[in-house]
């Protein structure tokens, strides 16, 4: 069975965000607006998405 992935896109600038949220976005590999990364669908990624979900658009890959 293929590993499940999530396509995560940064849709809101983290400039005015809480510093911890800014670091979380950077740790996910999102460095610029509208950049999309593919991340594994696991508990760690889900936790990051839950924390900064207001800045992201998430789709199943």
C-alpha atoms as a PDB file:
ATOM      1  CA  UNK A   1       0.000   0.000   0.000  1.00  0.00           C
ATOM      2  CA  UNK A   2       1.331   3.424  -0.926  1.00  0.00           C
ATOM      3  CA  UNK A   3       2.190   5.870   1.817  1.00  0.00           C
ATOM      4  CA  UNK A   4      -0.391   8.617   2.241  1.00  0.00           C
ATOM      5  CA  UNK A   5       0.785  12.179   1.680  1.00  0.00           C
ATOM      6  CA  UNK A   6      -0.644  15.655   2.130  1.00  0.00           C
ATOM      7  CA  UNK A   7      -0.126  18.644  -0.163  1.00  0.00           C
ATOM      8  CA  UNK A   8       0.289  21.710   2.036  1.00  0.00           C
ATOM      9  CA  UNK A   9       0.269  25.243   0.584  1.00  0.00           C
ATOM     10  CA  UNK A  10       1.071  28.471   2.439  1.00  0.00           C
ATOM     11  CA  UNK A  11      -1.794  30.903   1.717  1.00  0.00           C
ATOM     12  CA  UNK A  12      -1.349  33.499   4.497  1.00  0.00           C
ATOM     13  CA  UNK A  13       1.866  35.318   5.321  1.00  0.00           C
ATOM     14  CA  UNK A  14       3.451  34.321   8.648  1.00  0.00           C
ATOM     15  CA  UNK A  15       4.948  37.827   9.079  1.00  0.00           C
ATOM     16  CA  UNK A  16       2.513  38.954  11.794  1.00  0.00           C
ATOM     17  CA  UNK A  17       2.113  35.504  13.325  1.00  0.00           C
ATOM     18  CA  UNK A  18       3.291  34.228  16.711  1.00  0.00           C
ATOM     19  CA  UNK A  19       7.045  33.441  16.504  1.00  0.00           C
ATOM     20  CA  UNK A  20       6.447  29.770  17.348  1.00  0.00           C
ATOM     21  CA  UNK A  21       3.965  29.509  14.467  1.00  0.00           C
ATOM     22  CA  UNK A  22       6.462  31.180  12.146  1.00  0.00           C
ATOM     23  CA  UNK A  23       9.091  28.570  13.066  1.00  0.00           C
ATOM     24  CA  UNK A  24       6.571  25.755  12.558  1.00  0.00           C
ATOM     25  CA  UNK A  25       5.777  26.981   9.034  1.00  0.00           C
ATOM     26  CA  UNK A  26       9.497  27.163   8.254  1.00  0.00           C
ATOM     27  CA  UNK A  27      10.056  23.660   9.674  1.00  0.00           C
ATOM     28  CA  UNK A  28       7.410  22.344   7.279  1.00  0.00           C
ATOM     29  CA  UNK A  29       9.529  23.656   4.395  1.00  0.00           C
ATOM     30  CA  UNK A  30       7.216  26.530   3.514  1.00  0.00           C
ATOM     31  CA  UNK A  31       9.472  29.502   2.844  1.00  0.00           C
ATOM     32  CA  UNK A  32       7.377  31.619   0.448  1.00  0.00           C
ATOM     33  CA  UNK A  33       3.742  32.439  -0.135  1.00  0.00           C
ATOM     34  CA  UNK A  34       1.862  29.938  -2.321  1.00  0.00           C
ATOM     35  CA  UNK A  35       4.679  27.391  -2.069  1.00  0.00           C
ATOM     36  CA  UNK A  36       3.407  23.811  -1.942  1.00  0.00           C
ATOM     37  CA  UNK A  37       5.169  20.915  -0.233  1.00  0.00           C
ATOM     38  CA  UNK A  38       4.251  17.242   0.019  1.00  0.00           C
ATOM     39  CA  UNK A  39       4.456  15.894   3.564  1.00  0.00           C
ATOM     40  CA  UNK A  40       3.731  12.423   4.982  1.00  0.00           C
ATOM     41  CA  UNK A  41       0.302  12.012   6.578  1.00  0.00           C
ATOM     42  CA  UNK A  42       1.353  11.167  10.137  1.00  0.00           C
ATOM     43  CA  UNK A  43       0.674  12.399  13.662  1.00  0.00           C
ATOM     44  CA  UNK A  44       3.573  14.879  13.673  1.00  0.00           C
ATOM     45  CA  UNK A  45       2.470  16.535  10.429  1.00  0.00           C
ATOM     46  CA  UNK A  46      -1.164  16.610  11.578  1.00  0.00           C
ATOM     47  CA  UNK A  47      -0.056  18.358  14.781  1.00  0.00           C
ATOM     48  CA  UNK A  48       1.822  21.008  12.817  1.00  0.00           C
ATOM     49  CA  UNK A  49      -1.197  21.538  10.559  1.00  0.00           C
ATOM     50  CA  UNK A  50      -3.483  21.846  13.578  1.00  0.00           C
ATOM     51  CA  UNK A  51      -1.196  24.521  15.062  1.00  0.00           C
ATOM     52  CA  UNK A  52      -0.840  26.730  11.971  1.00  0.00           C
ATOM     53  CA  UNK A  53      -3.828  25.588   9.902  1.00  0.00           C
ATOM     54  CA  UNK A  54      -5.160  29.129   9.626  1.00  0.00           C
ATOM     55  CA  UNK A  55      -2.232  29.913   7.287  1.00  0.00           C
ATOM     56  CA  UNK A  56      -2.420  26.739   5.185  1.00  0.00           C
ATOM     57  CA  UNK A  57      -4.447  25.015   2.497  1.00  0.00           C
ATOM     58  CA  UNK A  58      -4.278  21.229   2.861  1.00  0.00           C
ATOM     59  CA  UNK A  59      -5.182  18.625   0.224  1.00  0.00           C
ATOM     60  CA  UNK A  60      -4.696  14.888  -0.018  1.00  0.00           C
ATOM     61  CA  UNK A  61      -1.925  14.005  -2.459  1.00  0.00           C
END
